[in-house]
Amino acid sequence: MIRTCLLRVYGLAKNSPRNVSFVNNDIYNLFTVDYIHSHLLKTHIPLVHSTRSTTFFINKSAEELWKGVTTVSNAGRRRGRAKGLMKKKDLNKGQIIGVGKISMQFPGLNTPVFRGKELLQQQKLPVDPESREKFAKLQRPMALKKIKLSPLERGWTSAHIGGRKVGPPDPIGEDTFDGFDTWVLESKLVSHMTGNLGRKSRISIFVVTGNGNGVAGFALAKAPVQKAAIKTAKNRAGQRLMYISRYKEHTVLHDFATQFGNTKIYVKKMHEGYGLVCHRAIKACCEAIGIKDMYAKVEGSINLQHIIKAFFIGLLQQKSYQQLADEKRLHLVEFKSENGNYPEVIASPSKVRKPEEVKSHEILDFTQYVLGGKIILQKKKYPPFYIKHPLYKTKLVKLERLRNFDETRIKLMAEYGALHSFLTEKYPEAKLRPKPKRSENNETEEE
């Protein structure tokens, strides 16, 4: 329609100057074909050209795209492939239509069209740094990160929950478990076949709880979910507490041998500062009880539940020193190397037997008596392969004069306060002279 009107105007404008003789040449040139084609009939392309490309993300809705990322097939879910799936995020959180990185004023979109009687125009606004900070704070919670535990809180391995602490048991009425903590000893998947549901799986959790001051208990619980099983297990352990006697609050009362099923444990009482040299599950139990120094050797079956039960049976079957003295009707005497093996009576019966009343075949060794007359087999260590080599014998000959040098040096320092001996006074020339100190003058000369 517009093109037709323009052509009619062009025809009138072209014919009229030919009929009129006094028409100016400038007016004629104004309506020439070249001028109309270059200005009036020219196609003007807009500055912003909207395009709609057909891609995968346009053909699918947002719900379908999220479903493809956050779901897994039923077969894969049964195989544990849904364990590490990401969760759905709200990407529009904190965003407002018309507001972006560059602050712009769009009338009718993010601002009103009129302000009073004034018609607002599209324009650029000054940058607001606070708005960017607020948007960044809203986006931070969307980045879900794993809670990173410290190396001491990761348990025995970083992949499994065994050895981790899960907190104290829940309070029962007005009774609270202050100072208690719970260690997970075993976590495994167990299943059994049912008639109507098929194979039914559950999580089995075995825990020990204690306050580190002689009170501890253990329990087993099963549940479809791991969190529920942990909660049930630690609450049961809190209801099955028992008191364990300790020697000077740091080790067991005496050596003992215990057994549960095919699991045997030999426990040795150790001096202060020795530490816990034992199975990792027994070590967790010792931390819950408050035992700091002990050695334990596990033989036979390594079923973890049997190990814990055997260990607690042995602890509960310990006898106090007074009970042992009353049973034997003899004095119980202790010899310590740190006290110079000075005898110390630690328990005495009310009535002591006379020497002629003690039978010749009676067990008088304390360790053998508390072990029930048994003797632990100490296997001889095999000698290393290189002791038969001729070069090793040559080495022993060269080191013979330095044998026990470190021990002798420490002994002399402890007795005389220096590397002296009883011959130092008789032969003063044998006394070691202190090394001369380097003076400042010597240092400057060397420089």
Protein backbone atom coordinates (compact mmCIF):
# COMPACT_ATOMS: atom_id res chain seq x y z
CA MET A 1 0.00 0.00 0.00
CA ILE A 2 2.82 2.38 0.93
CA ARG A 3 4.83 1.43 -2.17
CA THR A 4 1.78 2.14 -4.44
CA CYS A 5 1.26 5.61 -2.97
CA LEU A 6 4.91 6.49 -3.40
CA LEU A 7 4.84 5.44 -7.07
CA ARG A 8 1.80 7.65 -7.69
CA VAL A 9 3.54 10.59 -6.10
CA TYR A 10 6.58 9.88 -8.24
CA GLY A 11 4.49 9.88 -11.45
CA LEU A 12 2.80 13.17 -10.65
CA ALA A 13 6.03 14.76 -9.61
CA LYS A 14 7.79 13.63 -12.79
CA ASN A 15 5.10 14.72 -15.27
CA SER A 16 4.21 18.06 -13.73
CA PRO A 17 7.66 19.69 -14.15
CA ARG A 18 7.71 18.78 -17.86
CA ASN A 19 4.40 20.62 -18.45
CA VAL A 20 5.45 23.70 -16.51
CA SER A 21 8.31 25.60 -18.11
CA PHE A 22 9.24 27.79 -15.17
CA VAL A 23 9.97 24.91 -12.80
CA ASN A 24 13.34 25.26 -11.15
CA ASN A 25 15.97 22.59 -11.86
CA ASP A 26 16.56 22.06 -8.13
CA ILE A 27 12.95 21.12 -7.57
CA TYR A 28 13.14 18.71 -10.50
CA ASN A 29 16.26 17.04 -9.14
CA LEU A 30 14.55 16.59 -5.76
CA PHE A 31 12.07 14.10 -7.20
CA THR A 32 14.39 12.11 -9.42
CA VAL A 33 14.39 8.31 -9.44
CA ASP A 34 17.81 8.05 -7.81
CA TYR A 35 16.84 10.23 -4.89
CA ILE A 36 13.57 8.38 -4.20
CA HIS A 37 15.29 4.96 -4.51
CA SER A 38 18.14 5.91 -2.18
CA HIS A 39 16.00 7.54 0.52
CA LEU A 40 12.32 6.72 0.38
CA LEU A 41 12.44 3.13 -0.96
CA LYS A 42 15.49 1.98 1.07
CA THR A 43 14.94 -0.93 3.48
CA HIS A 44 16.04 0.00 7.03
CA ILE A 45 17.33 -2.99 9.09
CA PRO A 46 16.67 -2.60 12.81
CA LEU A 47 19.70 -2.44 15.14
CA VAL A 48 18.53 -5.39 17.27
CA HIS A 49 17.76 -8.48 15.24
CA SER A 50 16.00 -11.21 17.32
CA THR A 51 16.79 -14.79 16.35
CA ARG A 52 15.48 -18.05 17.75
CA SER A 53 17.88 -20.94 17.19
CA THR A 54 16.45 -24.41 17.54
CA THR A 55 18.60 -26.23 20.11
CA PHE A 56 18.15 -29.08 22.55
CA PHE A 57 17.62 -26.67 25.46
CA ILE A 58 14.76 -24.86 23.67
CA ASN A 59 12.93 -28.05 22.67
CA LYS A 60 12.93 -29.38 26.26
CA SER A 61 11.34 -27.71 29.26
CA ALA A 62 13.28 -26.87 32.42
CA GLU A 63 11.57 -29.68 34.34
CA GLU A 64 12.61 -32.24 31.72
CA LEU A 65 16.20 -30.98 31.72
CA TRP A 66 16.43 -31.16 35.53
CA LYS A 67 14.89 -34.63 35.48
CA GLY A 68 17.59 -35.85 33.11
CA VAL A 69 20.32 -34.62 35.46
CA THR A 70 18.86 -35.50 38.87
CA THR A 71 17.37 -38.95 38.27
CA VAL A 72 18.60 -42.46 37.58
CA SER A 73 16.89 -45.63 36.42
CA ASN A 74 15.48 -48.11 38.91
CA ALA A 75 18.11 -50.69 37.92
CA GLY A 76 20.87 -48.14 38.51
CA ARG A 77 19.33 -47.06 41.81
CA ARG A 78 19.45 -50.66 43.06
CA ARG A 79 23.15 -50.75 42.18
CA GLY A 80 23.86 -47.60 44.15
CA ARG A 81 24.26 -45.20 41.20
CA ALA A 82 21.93 -42.64 42.77
CA LYS A 83 24.41 -42.06 45.61
CA GLY A 84 26.26 -39.13 44.05
CA LEU A 85 23.47 -37.42 42.08
CA MET A 86 23.28 -33.65 42.27
CA LYS A 87 20.18 -31.94 43.65
CA LYS A 88 17.90 -29.58 41.79
CA LYS A 89 18.83 -25.89 42.12
CA ASP A 90 16.71 -22.77 41.73
CA LEU A 91 18.72 -20.80 39.16
CA ASN A 92 16.24 -17.88 39.27
CA LYS A 93 16.80 -17.31 42.98
CA GLY A 94 17.64 -13.66 43.65
CA GLN A 95 17.08 -12.57 40.03
CA ILE A 96 14.57 -9.83 39.06
CA ILE A 97 13.23 -9.23 35.54
CA GLY A 98 14.90 -6.16 34.07
CA VAL A 99 17.79 -6.14 36.54
CA GLY A 100 21.20 -7.43 35.47
CA LYS A 101 24.90 -6.76 35.77
CA ILE A 102 24.52 -3.40 33.99
CA SER A 103 22.01 -1.14 35.76
CA MET A 104 19.49 0.07 33.18
CA GLN A 105 16.16 1.86 33.45
CA PHE A 106 13.45 0.27 31.30
CA PRO A 107 10.11 2.12 31.64
CA GLY A 108 7.28 -0.34 31.94
CA LEU A 109 9.62 -3.21 32.93
CA ASN A 110 11.50 -2.25 36.07
CA THR A 111 10.26 1.33 36.49
CA PRO A 112 6.87 3.03 35.89
CA VAL A 113 6.25 4.67 32.51
CA PHE A 114 5.32 8.06 34.00
CA ARG A 115 6.74 9.82 37.01
CA GLY A 116 4.10 12.39 37.74
CA LYS A 117 3.53 14.06 34.34
CA GLU A 118 7.04 13.27 33.09
CA LEU A 119 7.51 10.45 30.57
CA LEU A 120 10.52 8.38 31.61
CA GLN A 121 13.14 7.43 29.03
CA GLN A 122 15.40 4.37 28.79
CA GLN A 123 18.77 5.22 30.32
CA LYS A 124 21.79 3.75 32.11
CA LEU A 125 21.92 4.01 35.90
CA PRO A 126 25.00 4.22 38.16
CA VAL A 127 26.52 0.92 39.34
CA ASP A 128 25.29 -0.33 42.74
CA PRO A 129 27.97 -2.60 44.36
CA GLU A 130 25.65 -3.59 47.24
CA SER A 131 23.16 -5.23 44.88
CA ARG A 132 25.90 -7.50 43.49
CA GLU A 133 26.96 -8.54 46.99
CA LYS A 134 23.35 -9.36 47.94
CA PHE A 135 22.92 -11.46 44.80
CA ALA A 136 26.20 -13.31 45.49
CA LYS A 137 25.04 -14.12 49.05
CA LEU A 138 21.80 -15.58 47.71
CA GLN A 139 23.71 -17.74 45.21
CA ARG A 140 26.27 -19.11 47.72
CA PRO A 141 23.93 -21.57 49.50
CA MET A 142 23.16 -23.15 46.11
CA ALA A 143 26.73 -24.45 45.85
CA LEU A 144 26.34 -27.50 48.06
CA LYS A 145 29.76 -28.57 49.33
CA LYS A 146 30.63 -31.65 51.32
CA ILE A 147 31.31 -31.03 54.98
CA LYS A 148 35.04 -31.63 55.18
CA LEU A 149 36.07 -33.36 58.39
CA SER A 150 39.43 -32.91 60.01
CA PRO A 151 41.83 -35.88 59.67
CA LEU A 152 41.27 -36.81 63.33
CA GLU A 153 37.48 -37.02 62.81
CA ARG A 154 37.42 -39.09 59.62
CA GLY A 155 37.59 -42.41 61.39
CA TRP A 156 39.69 -45.38 60.34
CA THR A 157 39.17 -44.73 56.62
CA SER A 158 37.69 -41.75 54.81
CA ALA A 159 35.33 -43.95 52.76
CA HIS A 160 33.49 -45.64 55.66
CA ILE A 161 31.96 -44.46 58.91
CA GLY A 162 33.89 -46.92 61.09
CA GLY A 163 35.84 -45.19 63.84
CA ARG A 164 33.93 -41.89 63.68
CA LYS A 165 32.33 -40.17 66.64
CA VAL A 166 28.56 -39.58 66.45
CA GLY A 167 27.91 -37.78 69.73
CA PRO A 168 26.39 -38.81 73.07
CA PRO A 169 23.15 -40.80 73.48
CA ASP A 170 19.88 -38.90 73.71
CA PRO A 171 18.76 -37.93 77.25
CA ILE A 172 16.24 -40.18 78.99
CA GLY A 173 13.82 -37.97 80.87
CA GLU A 174 15.89 -35.79 83.20
CA ASP A 175 18.98 -38.00 82.90
CA THR A 176 21.52 -36.60 80.44
CA PHE A 177 24.72 -38.20 79.19
CA ASP A 178 27.16 -35.38 79.91
CA GLY A 179 30.74 -36.15 78.93
CA PHE A 180 29.75 -39.22 76.87
CA ASP A 181 30.66 -39.88 73.27
CA THR A 182 29.89 -42.69 70.83
CA TRP A 183 32.21 -44.47 68.38
CA VAL A 184 30.88 -46.39 65.35
CA LEU A 185 32.72 -49.72 65.21
CA GLU A 186 30.95 -51.47 62.34
CA SER A 187 28.54 -50.45 59.57
CA LYS A 188 27.38 -53.00 57.01
CA LEU A 189 24.45 -53.87 54.76
CA VAL A 190 22.52 -56.99 55.82
CA SER A 191 19.59 -58.58 54.00
CA HIS A 192 17.20 -61.49 54.33
CA MET A 193 14.56 -63.04 52.09
CA THR A 194 10.87 -62.49 52.90
CA GLY A 195 7.80 -64.16 51.44
CA ASN A 196 5.97 -60.99 50.34
CA LEU A 197 8.68 -58.33 49.91
CA GLY A 198 11.48 -60.46 48.47
CA ARG A 199 15.01 -59.62 49.57
CA LYS A 200 14.83 -56.95 52.27
CA SER A 201 17.99 -54.99 53.11
CA ARG A 202 18.86 -53.03 56.23
CA ILE A 203 21.85 -51.19 57.71
CA SER A 204 23.52 -52.81 60.73
CA ILE A 205 25.40 -50.46 63.10
CA PHE A 206 27.59 -51.60 66.02
CA VAL A 207 28.68 -48.84 68.42
CA VAL A 208 30.38 -48.31 71.78
CA THR A 209 29.70 -45.33 74.06
CA GLY A 210 31.52 -44.12 77.14
CA ASN A 211 32.60 -41.12 79.20
CA GLY A 212 36.34 -41.88 79.29
CA ASN A 213 36.19 -42.39 83.05
CA GLY A 214 35.49 -46.11 83.44
CA VAL A 215 31.85 -46.22 82.25
CA ALA A 216 31.07 -47.70 78.82
CA GLY A 217 28.58 -49.85 76.92
CA PHE A 218 28.06 -51.28 73.44
CA ALA A 219 24.99 -52.15 71.36
CA LEU A 220 23.84 -53.30 67.92
CA ALA A 221 20.92 -51.86 65.92
CA LYS A 222 19.44 -52.31 62.45
CA ALA A 223 17.27 -49.95 60.41
CA PRO A 224 16.48 -49.25 56.74
CA VAL A 225 18.32 -45.89 56.98
CA GLN A 226 21.82 -45.38 58.39
CA LYS A 227 20.91 -42.32 60.50
CA ALA A 228 18.06 -44.16 62.21
CA ALA A 229 20.30 -47.17 62.89
CA ILE A 230 23.01 -44.96 64.44
CA LYS A 231 20.50 -43.18 66.67
CA THR A 232 18.94 -46.45 67.87
CA ALA A 233 22.32 -48.08 68.48
CA LYS A 234 23.80 -45.27 70.56
CA ASN A 235 20.61 -44.94 72.63
CA ARG A 236 20.68 -48.69 73.34
CA ALA A 237 24.36 -48.48 74.29
CA GLY A 238 23.48 -45.68 76.72
CA GLN A 239 21.03 -48.03 78.47
CA ARG A 240 23.60 -50.86 78.81
CA LEU A 241 26.42 -49.11 80.61
CA MET A 242 28.88 -50.96 82.85
CA TYR A 243 31.72 -49.85 85.11
CA ILE A 244 35.28 -51.03 84.37
CA SER A 245 37.97 -50.89 87.08
CA ARG A 246 41.37 -49.43 86.08
CA TYR A 247 44.81 -49.30 87.63
CA LYS A 248 45.69 -45.68 88.49
CA GLU A 249 43.17 -44.52 85.87
CA HIS A 250 45.44 -45.40 82.93
CA THR A 251 45.62 -49.19 82.36
CA VAL A 252 44.00 -52.54 83.20
CA LEU A 253 44.33 -54.09 86.66
CA HIS A 254 46.37 -57.08 85.47
CA ASP A 255 47.10 -59.27 82.45
CA PHE A 256 44.25 -61.49 81.30
CA ALA A 257 43.28 -63.89 78.53
CA THR A 258 39.70 -63.95 77.26
CA GLN A 259 37.72 -65.74 74.57
CA PHE A 260 34.37 -65.43 72.79
CA GLY A 261 33.56 -67.96 70.10
CA ASN A 262 36.72 -68.61 68.10
CA THR A 263 38.23 -65.23 69.03
CA LYS A 264 40.99 -65.14 71.65
CA ILE A 265 42.51 -61.97 73.12
CA TYR A 266 45.62 -61.67 75.30
CA VAL A 267 45.85 -58.35 77.17
CA LYS A 268 48.95 -57.04 78.95
CA LYS A 269 49.09 -54.30 81.56
CA MET A 270 51.59 -51.62 80.51
CA HIS A 271 53.40 -48.72 82.16
CA GLU A 272 52.32 -45.11 81.83
CA GLY A 273 53.22 -43.56 78.49
CA TYR A 274 53.23 -46.86 76.57
CA GLY A 275 50.06 -46.08 74.60
CA LEU A 276 47.51 -48.37 73.00
CA VAL A 277 49.02 -51.13 70.85
CA CYS A 278 46.02 -53.22 69.84
CA HIS A 279 43.23 -53.74 67.30
CA ARG A 280 41.59 -50.51 66.13
CA ALA A 281 38.19 -51.54 67.50
CA ILE A 282 39.74 -52.36 70.90
CA LYS A 283 41.49 -48.98 70.77
CA ALA A 284 38.13 -47.21 70.32
CA CYS A 285 36.74 -49.16 73.30
CA CYS A 286 39.76 -48.15 75.41
CA GLU A 287 39.17 -44.48 74.53
CA ALA A 288 35.53 -44.82 75.59
CA ILE A 289 36.51 -46.51 78.87
CA GLY A 290 39.53 -44.32 79.66
CA ILE A 291 42.36 -46.85 79.26
CA LYS A 292 45.49 -45.11 77.95
CA ASP A 293 48.24 -47.77 78.11
CA MET A 294 47.71 -51.40 77.09
CA TYR A 295 48.87 -54.14 74.74
CA ALA A 296 46.41 -56.63 73.20
CA LYS A 297 46.91 -59.49 70.76
CA VAL A 298 43.97 -60.99 68.85
CA GLU A 299 44.15 -64.61 67.70
CA GLY A 300 41.67 -66.73 65.79
CA SER A 301 38.54 -65.25 64.27
CA ILE A 302 38.59 -61.49 63.62
CA ASN A 303 34.81 -61.08 63.75
CA LEU A 304 34.55 -57.52 65.09
CA GLN A 305 31.53 -58.13 67.30
CA HIS A 306 33.24 -61.18 68.83
CA ILE A 307 36.38 -59.11 69.49
CA ILE A 308 34.44 -56.45 71.40
CA LYS A 309 32.42 -58.99 73.39
CA ALA A 310 35.54 -60.97 74.31
CA PHE A 311 37.33 -57.77 75.39
CA PHE A 312 34.47 -56.63 77.65
CA ILE A 313 34.14 -60.13 79.15
CA GLY A 314 37.84 -60.03 80.05
CA LEU A 315 37.51 -56.56 81.57
CA LEU A 316 34.50 -57.56 83.68
CA GLN A 317 36.25 -60.72 84.90
CA GLN A 318 39.19 -58.76 86.29
CA LYS A 319 39.79 -59.14 90.02
CA SER A 320 40.91 -56.40 92.34
CA TYR A 321 44.18 -56.76 94.22
CA GLN A 322 42.34 -57.21 97.48
CA GLN A 323 40.26 -60.06 96.02
CA LEU A 324 43.42 -61.80 94.78
CA ALA A 325 45.09 -61.41 98.19
CA ASP A 326 42.02 -62.80 99.96
CA GLU A 327 41.87 -65.80 97.57
CA LYS A 328 45.52 -66.74 98.11
CA ARG A 329 45.64 -65.53 101.72
CA LEU A 330 49.06 -64.07 100.93
CA HIS A 331 50.51 -60.59 100.61
CA LEU A 332 50.48 -59.10 97.12
CA VAL A 333 53.81 -57.36 96.48
CA GLU A 334 54.65 -55.14 93.50
CA PHE A 335 58.13 -54.58 92.02
CA LYS A 336 58.67 -51.61 89.69
CA SER A 337 61.81 -50.87 87.71
CA GLU A 338 61.18 -47.11 88.05
CA ASN A 339 61.27 -47.58 91.84
CA GLY A 340 64.48 -49.58 91.68
CA ASN A 341 62.52 -52.84 92.05
CA TYR A 342 61.79 -51.90 95.65
CA PRO A 343 59.05 -54.22 97.01
CA GLU A 344 55.75 -52.52 97.76
CA VAL A 345 52.82 -54.30 99.44
CA ILE A 346 49.64 -53.28 97.59
CA ALA A 347 47.16 -55.74 99.21
CA SER A 348 47.08 -57.91 102.32
CA PRO A 349 44.50 -60.50 103.47
CA SER A 350 42.86 -60.42 106.88
CA LYS A 351 44.60 -63.69 107.82
CA VAL A 352 47.92 -64.68 106.22
CA ARG A 353 48.95 -68.31 105.74
CA LYS A 354 52.14 -69.61 107.25
CA PRO A 355 55.00 -70.79 104.95
CA GLU A 356 54.37 -74.44 105.77
CA GLU A 357 50.73 -74.05 104.67
CA VAL A 358 51.79 -73.03 101.16
CA LYS A 359 52.01 -76.15 98.98
CA SER A 360 55.00 -76.75 96.74
CA HIS A 361 52.97 -77.15 93.54
CA GLU A 362 50.91 -73.99 94.18
CA ILE A 363 51.18 -71.18 91.62
CA LEU A 364 52.87 -68.17 93.20
CA ASP A 365 53.64 -66.25 90.01
CA PHE A 366 51.11 -63.41 89.76
CA THR A 367 50.87 -63.31 85.94
CA GLN A 368 50.42 -67.06 85.63
CA TYR A 369 47.80 -67.04 88.40
CA VAL A 370 45.62 -64.32 86.83
CA LEU A 371 45.85 -66.14 83.47
CA GLY A 372 44.33 -69.24 85.07
CA GLY A 373 47.54 -71.25 85.13
CA LYS A 374 48.13 -70.74 81.40
CA ILE A 375 51.38 -69.58 79.83
CA ILE A 376 51.27 -67.45 76.68
CA LEU A 377 53.42 -68.92 73.94
CA GLN A 378 56.11 -66.40 72.99
CA LYS A 379 57.24 -67.40 69.54
CA LYS A 380 60.93 -67.00 68.89
CA LYS A 381 61.74 -64.41 66.25
CA TYR A 382 63.56 -65.70 63.23
CA PRO A 383 67.08 -64.22 62.82
CA PRO A 384 67.61 -61.96 59.80
CA PHE A 385 69.10 -63.47 56.67
CA TYR A 386 72.29 -61.38 56.66
CA ILE A 387 73.82 -62.61 59.96
CA LYS A 388 75.47 -65.55 58.15
CA HIS A 389 77.14 -63.29 55.62
CA PRO A 390 80.92 -62.84 56.14
CA LEU A 391 80.67 -59.05 55.75
CA TYR A 392 78.30 -58.88 58.70
CA LYS A 393 80.88 -60.60 60.92
CA THR A 394 83.48 -58.06 59.78
CA LYS A 395 81.12 -55.26 60.74
CA LEU A 396 80.62 -56.72 64.23
CA VAL A 397 84.40 -56.81 64.76
CA LYS A 398 84.71 -53.14 63.78
CA LEU A 399 81.84 -52.07 66.06
CA GLU A 400 82.97 -54.11 69.05
CA ARG A 401 84.83 -51.23 70.72
CA LEU A 402 81.77 -48.98 70.33
CA ARG A 403 79.38 -51.54 71.77
CA ASN A 404 77.00 -50.12 74.42
CA PHE A 405 78.61 -46.69 73.93
CA ASP A 406 75.32 -44.78 74.08
CA GLU A 407 74.14 -46.56 77.22
CA THR A 408 77.50 -45.99 78.96
CA ARG A 409 77.45 -42.32 78.02
CA ILE A 410 73.96 -41.81 79.46
CA LYS A 411 74.91 -43.68 82.64
CA LEU A 412 78.03 -41.54 83.21
CA MET A 413 76.06 -38.34 82.61
CA ALA A 414 73.46 -39.47 85.16
CA GLU A 415 76.00 -40.47 87.85
CA TYR A 416 78.77 -37.83 87.51
CA GLY A 417 77.04 -35.05 85.56
CA ALA A 418 79.63 -35.32 82.78
CA LEU A 419 81.61 -37.90 80.83
CA HIS A 420 83.68 -38.78 83.93
CA SER A 421 84.30 -42.00 85.82
CA PHE A 422 85.84 -43.12 89.13
CA LEU A 423 89.29 -42.90 87.49
CA THR A 424 88.97 -39.21 86.64
CA GLU A 425 90.34 -38.01 90.00
CA LYS A 426 93.33 -40.36 89.78
CA TYR A 427 94.09 -39.44 86.18
CA PRO A 428 92.99 -35.80 85.71
CA GLU A 429 94.65 -35.66 82.28
CA ALA A 430 91.93 -38.04 81.03
CA LYS A 431 89.22 -35.48 81.80
CA LEU A 432 87.46 -34.17 78.71
CA ARG A 433 88.11 -30.51 78.10
CA PRO A 434 85.25 -28.31 76.97
CA LYS A 435 85.39 -27.04 73.43
CA PRO A 436 86.74 -23.46 73.17
CA LYS A 437 84.13 -20.89 72.36
CA ARG A 438 84.56 -18.94 69.18
CA SER A 439 85.32 -15.30 69.95
CA GLU A 440 84.15 -12.33 67.95
CA ASN A 441 87.73 -11.51 66.86
CA ASN A 442 88.20 -14.97 65.37
CA GLU A 443 84.93 -14.66 63.49
CA THR A 444 85.92 -11.30 62.03
CA GLU A 445 89.34 -12.64 60.99
CA GLU A 446 87.75 -15.61 59.25
CA GLU A 447 85.40 -13.32 57.40
